[in-house]
Amino acid sequence: MDCWNCHRTAVGSCRFCGRGVCEDHVTERPFILDLFRRGDATQALVVEDALFCGTCSPRPDPIPLPELDA
């Protein structure tokens, strides 16, 4: 797989979109692995340093999912 940005050999793929990224273009972002209920609240299990290509546009803020709290 090649880097989406420079076409060098990728060292990983973006967790959000799957694009290849080389060591010069890789960054990190938090990624939600799982959601679960504890009491009356929904909580998330998060990986803080998931690979991110810097090209795709994951939403910057959480999206409310009130239907999961019902």
PDB file of N, CA and C in Angstrom:
ATOM      1  N   MET A   1       0.846  -1.168   0.000  1.00  0.00           N
ATOM      2  CA  MET A   1       0.000   0.000   0.000  1.00  0.00           C
ATOM      3  C   MET A   1       0.892   1.232   0.000  1.00  0.00           C
ATOM      4  N   ASP A   2       0.468   2.258  -0.718  1.00  0.00           N
ATOM      5  CA  ASP A   2       1.223   3.503  -0.786  1.00  0.00           C
ATOM      6  C   ASP A   2       0.529   4.597   0.013  1.00  0.00           C
ATOM      7  N   CYS A   3       1.318   5.576   0.420  1.00  0.00           N
ATOM      8  CA  CYS A   3       0.804   6.735   1.146  1.00  0.00           C
ATOM      9  C   CYS A   3      -0.115   7.542   0.228  1.00  0.00           C
ATOM     10  N   TRP A   4      -1.264   7.944   0.733  1.00  0.00           N
ATOM     11  CA  TRP A   4      -2.224   8.740  -0.010  1.00  0.00           C
ATOM     12  C   TRP A   4      -1.623  10.081  -0.427  1.00  0.00           C
ATOM     13  N   ASN A   5      -0.727  10.642   0.396  1.00  0.00           N
ATOM     14  CA  ASN A   5      -0.187  11.978   0.156  1.00  0.00           C
ATOM     15  C   ASN A   5       1.022  12.008  -0.767  1.00  0.00           C
ATOM     16  N   CYS A   6       1.982  11.108  -0.547  1.00  0.00           N
ATOM     17  CA  CYS A   6       3.247  11.212  -1.285  1.00  0.00           C
ATOM     18  C   CYS A   6       3.581   9.967  -2.108  1.00  0.00           C
ATOM     19  N   HIS A   7       2.786   8.931  -1.994  1.00  0.00           N
ATOM     20  CA  HIS A   7       2.949   7.690  -2.767  1.00  0.00           C
ATOM     21  C   HIS A   7       4.168   6.866  -2.374  1.00  0.00           C
ATOM     22  N   ARG A   8       4.783   7.177  -1.205  1.00  0.00           N
ATOM     23  CA  ARG A   8       5.820   6.295  -0.647  1.00  0.00           C
ATOM     24  C   ARG A   8       5.125   5.098  -0.008  1.00  0.00           C
ATOM     25  N   THR A   9       5.913   4.124   0.400  1.00  0.00           N
ATOM     26  CA  THR A   9       5.361   2.948   1.060  1.00  0.00           C
ATOM     27  C   THR A   9       4.696   3.348   2.376  1.00  0.00           C
ATOM     28  N   ALA A  10       3.458   2.927   2.555  1.00  0.00           N
ATOM     29  CA  ALA A  10       2.711   3.240   3.777  1.00  0.00           C
ATOM     30  C   ALA A  10       3.176   2.354   4.923  1.00  0.00           C
ATOM     31  N   VAL A  11       3.136   2.889   6.131  1.00  0.00           N
ATOM     32  CA  VAL A  11       3.454   2.111   7.322  1.00  0.00           C
ATOM     33  C   VAL A  11       2.196   1.722   8.091  1.00  0.00           C
ATOM     34  N   GLY A  12       1.053   2.247   7.659  1.00  0.00           N
ATOM     35  CA  GLY A  12      -0.214   1.931   8.299  1.00  0.00           C
ATOM     36  C   GLY A  12      -1.360   2.505   7.490  1.00  0.00           C
ATOM     37  N   SER A  13      -2.567   2.285   7.995  1.00  0.00           N
ATOM     38  CA  SER A  13      -3.742   2.835   7.315  1.00  0.00           C
ATOM     39  C   SER A  13      -4.578   3.621   8.310  1.00  0.00           C
ATOM     40  N   CYS A  14      -5.218   4.645   7.811  1.00  0.00           N
ATOM     41  CA  CYS A  14      -6.061   5.511   8.622  1.00  0.00           C
ATOM     42  C   CYS A  14      -7.209   4.700   9.221  1.00  0.00           C
ATOM     43  N   ARG A  15      -7.411   4.822  10.502  1.00  0.00           N
ATOM     44  CA  ARG A  15      -8.473   4.091  11.200  1.00  0.00           C
ATOM     45  C   ARG A  15      -9.849   4.602  10.809  1.00  0.00           C
ATOM     46  N   PHE A  16      -9.907   5.827  10.284  1.00  0.00           N
ATOM     47  CA  PHE A  16     -11.178   6.458   9.973  1.00  0.00           C
ATOM     48  C   PHE A  16     -11.634   6.215   8.537  1.00  0.00           C
ATOM     49  N   CYS A  17     -10.694   6.189   7.578  1.00  0.00           N
ATOM     50  CA  CYS A  17     -11.098   6.040   6.174  1.00  0.00           C
ATOM     51  C   CYS A  17     -10.364   4.912   5.448  1.00  0.00           C
ATOM     52  N   GLY A  18      -9.253   4.412   6.010  1.00  0.00           N
ATOM     53  CA  GLY A  18      -8.524   3.310   5.399  1.00  0.00           C
ATOM     54  C   GLY A  18      -7.410   3.708   4.446  1.00  0.00           C
ATOM     55  N   ARG A  19      -7.198   5.009   4.209  1.00  0.00           N
ATOM     56  CA  ARG A  19      -6.115   5.441   3.318  1.00  0.00           C
ATOM     57  C   ARG A  19      -4.765   5.060   3.913  1.00  0.00           C
ATOM     58  N   GLY A  20      -3.813   4.719   3.049  1.00  0.00           N
ATOM     59  CA  GLY A  20      -2.466   4.419   3.489  1.00  0.00           C
ATOM     60  C   GLY A  20      -1.733   5.692   3.887  1.00  0.00           C
ATOM     61  N   VAL A  21      -0.889   5.598   4.924  1.00  0.00           N
ATOM     62  CA  VAL A  21      -0.087   6.746   5.364  1.00  0.00           C
ATOM     63  C   VAL A  21       1.341   6.308   5.655  1.00  0.00           C
ATOM     64  N   CYS A  22       2.301   7.129   5.236  1.00  0.00           N
ATOM     65  CA  CYS A  22       3.710   6.858   5.519  1.00  0.00           C
ATOM     66  C   CYS A  22       4.084   7.486   6.864  1.00  0.00           C
ATOM     67  N   GLU A  23       5.293   7.237   7.324  1.00  0.00           N
ATOM     68  CA  GLU A  23       5.720   7.751   8.624  1.00  0.00           C
ATOM     69  C   GLU A  23       5.814   9.279   8.659  1.00  0.00           C
ATOM     70  N   ASP A  24       5.940   9.932   7.501  1.00  0.00           N
ATOM     71  CA  ASP A  24       6.006  11.394   7.472  1.00  0.00           C
ATOM     72  C   ASP A  24       4.624  12.049   7.529  1.00  0.00           C
ATOM     73  N   HIS A  25       3.591  11.345   7.120  1.00  0.00           N
ATOM     74  CA  HIS A  25       2.262  11.940   7.050  1.00  0.00           C
ATOM     75  C   HIS A  25       1.282  11.413   8.097  1.00  0.00           C
ATOM     76  N   VAL A  26       1.680  10.438   8.867  1.00  0.00           N
ATOM     77  CA  VAL A  26       0.774   9.873   9.863  1.00  0.00           C
ATOM     78  C   VAL A  26       0.636  10.825  11.056  1.00  0.00           C
ATOM     79  N   THR A  27      -0.590  10.948  11.549  1.00  0.00           N
ATOM     80  CA  THR A  27      -0.870  11.653  12.794  1.00  0.00           C
ATOM     81  C   THR A  27      -1.753  10.732  13.626  1.00  0.00           C
ATOM     82  N   GLU A  28      -2.158  11.193  14.780  1.00  0.00           N
ATOM     83  CA  GLU A  28      -2.965  10.361  15.667  1.00  0.00           C
ATOM     84  C   GLU A  28      -4.186  11.126  16.136  1.00  0.00           C
ATOM     85  N   ARG A  29      -5.260  10.380  16.378  1.00  0.00           N
ATOM     86  CA  ARG A  29      -6.505  10.928  16.890  1.00  0.00           C
ATOM     87  C   ARG A  29      -7.174   9.885  17.769  1.00  0.00           C
ATOM     88  N   PRO A  30      -8.017  10.305  18.700  1.00  0.00           N
ATOM     89  CA  PRO A  30      -8.791   9.335  19.478  1.00  0.00           C
ATOM     90  C   PRO A  30      -9.821   8.626  18.603  1.00  0.00           C
ATOM     91  N   PHE A  31     -10.073   7.357  18.910  1.00  0.00           N
ATOM     92  CA  PHE A  31     -11.046   6.552  18.159  1.00  0.00           C
ATOM     93  C   PHE A  31     -11.897   5.757  19.145  1.00  0.00           C
ATOM     94  N   ILE A  32     -13.208   5.798  18.968  1.00  0.00           N
ATOM     95  CA  ILE A  32     -14.119   5.041  19.834  1.00  0.00           C
ATOM     96  C   ILE A  32     -14.138   3.583  19.394  1.00  0.00           C
ATOM     97  N   LEU A  33     -13.751   2.694  20.306  1.00  0.00           N
ATOM     98  CA  LEU A  33     -13.769   1.258  20.033  1.00  0.00           C
ATOM     99  C   LEU A  33     -15.125   0.632  20.309  1.00  0.00           C
ATOM    100  N   ASP A  34     -15.750   1.069  21.397  1.00  0.00           N
ATOM    101  CA  ASP A  34     -16.995   0.426  21.799  1.00  0.00           C
ATOM    102  C   ASP A  34     -17.800   1.375  22.670  1.00  0.00           C
ATOM    103  N   LEU A  35     -19.111   1.233  22.627  1.00  0.00           N
ATOM    104  CA  LEU A  35     -20.027   1.963  23.495  1.00  0.00           C
ATOM    105  C   LEU A  35     -20.697   0.959  24.413  1.00  0.00           C
ATOM    106  N   PHE A  36     -20.951   1.368  25.661  1.00  0.00           N
ATOM    107  CA  PHE A  36     -21.659   0.497  26.583  1.00  0.00           C
ATOM    108  C   PHE A  36     -22.420   1.339  27.593  1.00  0.00           C
ATOM    109  N   ARG A  37     -23.415   0.718  28.190  1.00  0.00           N
ATOM    110  CA  ARG A  37     -24.218   1.415  29.201  1.00  0.00           C
ATOM    111  C   ARG A  37     -23.724   1.039  30.581  1.00  0.00           C
ATOM    112  N   ARG A  38     -23.614   2.061  31.429  1.00  0.00           N
ATOM    113  CA  ARG A  38     -23.280   1.850  32.833  1.00  0.00           C
ATOM    114  C   ARG A  38     -24.250   2.719  33.622  1.00  0.00           C
ATOM    115  N   GLY A  39     -25.173   2.089  34.299  1.00  0.00           N
ATOM    116  CA  GLY A  39     -26.232   2.842  34.969  1.00  0.00           C
ATOM    117  C   GLY A  39     -27.152   3.445  33.921  1.00  0.00           C
ATOM    118  N   ASP A  40     -27.383   4.753  34.018  1.00  0.00           N
ATOM    119  CA  ASP A  40     -28.256   5.449  33.069  1.00  0.00           C
ATOM    120  C   ASP A  40     -27.493   6.161  31.972  1.00  0.00           C
ATOM    121  N   ALA A  41     -26.173   5.997  31.920  1.00  0.00           N
ATOM    122  CA  ALA A  41     -25.355   6.743  30.951  1.00  0.00           C
ATOM    123  C   ALA A  41     -24.674   5.800  29.963  1.00  0.00           C
ATOM    124  N   THR A  42     -24.504   6.278  28.752  1.00  0.00           N
ATOM    125  CA  THR A  42     -23.730   5.555  27.745  1.00  0.00           C
ATOM    126  C   THR A  42     -22.293   6.029  27.827  1.00  0.00           C
ATOM    127  N   GLN A  43     -21.342   5.090  27.886  1.00  0.00           N
ATOM    128  CA  GLN A  43     -19.924   5.426  27.962  1.00  0.00           C
ATOM    129  C   GLN A  43     -19.202   4.823  26.769  1.00  0.00           C
ATOM    130  N   ALA A  44     -17.988   5.287  26.532  1.00  0.00           N
ATOM    131  CA  ALA A  44     -17.214   4.826  25.382  1.00  0.00           C
ATOM    132  C   ALA A  44     -15.850   4.321  25.820  1.00  0.00           C
ATOM    133  N   LEU A  45     -15.384   3.270  25.163  1.00  0.00           N
ATOM    134  CA  LEU A  45     -14.020   2.786  25.306  1.00  0.00           C
ATOM    135  C   LEU A  45     -13.241   3.375  24.137  1.00  0.00           C
ATOM    136  N   VAL A  46     -12.212   4.190  24.435  1.00  0.00           N
ATOM    137  CA  VAL A  46     -11.530   4.986  23.411  1.00  0.00           C
ATOM    138  C   VAL A  46     -10.048   4.650  23.338  1.00  0.00           C
ATOM    139  N   VAL A  47      -9.506   4.549  22.113  1.00  0.00           N
ATOM    140  CA  VAL A  47      -8.068   4.455  21.881  1.00  0.00           C
ATOM    141  C   VAL A  47      -7.595   5.870  21.566  1.00  0.00           C
ATOM    142  N   GLU A  48      -6.649   6.383  22.320  1.00  0.00           N
ATOM    143  CA  GLU A  48      -6.221   7.776  22.172  1.00  0.00           C
ATOM    144  C   GLU A  48      -5.360   8.030  20.947  1.00  0.00           C
ATOM    145  N   ASP A  49      -4.640   7.030  20.460  1.00  0.00           N
ATOM    146  CA  ASP A  49      -3.630   7.287  19.422  1.00  0.00           C
ATOM    147  C   ASP A  49      -3.835   6.438  18.165  1.00  0.00           C
ATOM    148  N   ALA A  50      -5.071   6.414  17.656  1.00  0.00           N
ATOM    149  CA  ALA A  50      -5.354   5.697  16.408  1.00  0.00           C
ATOM    150  C   ALA A  50      -4.721   6.453  15.238  1.00  0.00           C
ATOM    151  N   LEU A  51      -4.233   5.722  14.233  1.00  0.00           N
ATOM    152  CA  LEU A  51      -3.612   6.359  13.068  1.00  0.00           C
ATOM    153  C   LEU A  51      -4.642   7.180  12.297  1.00  0.00           C
ATOM    154  N   PHE A  52      -4.238   8.373  11.880  1.00  0.00           N
ATOM    155  CA  PHE A  52      -5.098   9.293  11.153  1.00  0.00           C
ATOM    156  C   PHE A  52      -4.321   9.857   9.972  1.00  0.00           C
ATOM    157  N   CYS A  53      -4.941   9.858   8.784  1.00  0.00           N
ATOM    158  CA  CYS A  53      -4.256  10.287   7.564  1.00  0.00           C
ATOM    159  C   CYS A  53      -4.133  11.800   7.436  1.00  0.00           C
ATOM    160  N   GLY A  54      -4.993  12.558   8.093  1.00  0.00           N
ATOM    161  CA  GLY A  54      -4.974  14.006   7.964  1.00  0.00           C
ATOM    162  C   GLY A  54      -5.741  14.503   6.750  1.00  0.00           C
ATOM    163  N   THR A  55      -6.242  13.598   5.918  1.00  0.00           N
ATOM    164  CA  THR A  55      -6.970  13.971   4.710  1.00  0.00           C
ATOM    165  C   THR A  55      -8.475  13.854   4.900  1.00  0.00           C
ATOM    166  N   CYS A  56      -8.928  12.791   5.538  1.00  0.00           N
ATOM    167  CA  CYS A  56     -10.361  12.612   5.734  1.00  0.00           C
ATOM    168  C   CYS A  56     -10.858  13.578   6.815  1.00  0.00           C
ATOM    169  N   SER A  57     -12.152  13.655   6.979  1.00  0.00           N
ATOM    170  CA  SER A  57     -12.732  14.647   7.897  1.00  0.00           C
ATOM    171  C   SER A  57     -13.671  14.015   8.917  1.00  0.00           C
ATOM    172  N   PRO A  58     -13.110  13.299   9.909  1.00  0.00           N
ATOM    173  CA  PRO A  58     -13.992  12.822  10.973  1.00  0.00           C
ATOM    174  C   PRO A  58     -14.599  14.035  11.681  1.00  0.00           C
ATOM    175  N   ARG A  59     -15.815  13.903  12.136  1.00  0.00           N
ATOM    176  CA  ARG A  59     -16.464  15.020  12.815  1.00  0.00           C
ATOM    177  C   ARG A  59     -15.680  15.407  14.064  1.00  0.00           C
ATOM    178  N   PRO A  60     -15.493  16.712  14.295  1.00  0.00           N
ATOM    179  CA  PRO A  60     -14.685  17.163  15.430  1.00  0.00           C
ATOM    180  C   PRO A  60     -15.369  17.022  16.778  1.00  0.00           C
ATOM    181  N   ASP A  61     -16.698  16.979  16.786  1.00  0.00           N
ATOM    182  CA  ASP A  61     -17.440  16.910  18.041  1.00  0.00           C
ATOM    183  C   ASP A  61     -18.315  15.663  18.056  1.00  0.00           C
ATOM    184  N   PRO A  62     -18.594  15.164  19.249  1.00  0.00           N
ATOM    185  CA  PRO A  62     -19.471  13.999  19.355  1.00  0.00           C
ATOM    186  C   PRO A  62     -20.858  14.288  18.795  1.00  0.00           C
ATOM    187  N   ILE A  63     -21.498  13.258  18.289  1.00  0.00           N
ATOM    188  CA  ILE A  63     -22.860  13.359  17.777  1.00  0.00           C
ATOM    189  C   ILE A  63     -23.794  12.761  18.820  1.00  0.00           C
ATOM    190  N   PRO A  64     -24.805  13.507  19.243  1.00  0.00           N
ATOM    191  CA  PRO A  64     -25.749  12.952  20.209  1.00  0.00           C
ATOM    192  C   PRO A  64     -26.471  11.733  19.638  1.00  0.00           C
ATOM    193  N   LEU A  65     -26.595  10.692  20.442  1.00  0.00           N
ATOM    194  CA  LEU A  65     -27.329   9.488  20.060  1.00  0.00           C
ATOM    195  C   LEU A  65     -28.339   9.152  21.144  1.00  0.00           C
ATOM    196  N   PRO A  66     -29.343   9.991  21.341  1.00  0.00           N
ATOM    197  CA  PRO A  66     -30.281   9.783  22.441  1.00  0.00           C
ATOM    198  C   PRO A  66     -31.034   8.458  22.344  1.00  0.00           C
ATOM    199  N   GLU A  67     -31.173   7.909  21.147  1.00  0.00           N
ATOM    200  CA  GLU A  67     -31.867   6.627  21.011  1.00  0.00           C
ATOM    201  C   GLU A  67     -31.124   5.491  21.702  1.00  0.00           C
ATOM    202  N   LEU A  68     -29.832   5.649  21.967  1.00  0.00           N
ATOM    203  CA  LEU A  68     -29.087   4.620  22.693  1.00  0.00           C
ATOM    204  C   LEU A  68     -29.344   4.690  24.193  1.00  0.00           C
ATOM    205  N   ASP A  69     -29.842   5.830  24.671  1.00  0.00           N
ATOM    206  CA  ASP A  69     -30.128   6.002  26.096  1.00  0.00           C
ATOM    207  C   ASP A  69     -31.558   5.612  26.458  1.00  0.00           C
ATOM    208  N   ALA A  70     -32.345   5.254  25.464  1.00  0.00           N
ATOM    209  CA  ALA A  70     -33.761   4.924  25.731  1.00  0.00           C
ATOM    210  C   ALA A  70     -33.910   3.513  26.246  1.00  0.00           C
TER     211      ALA A  70
END
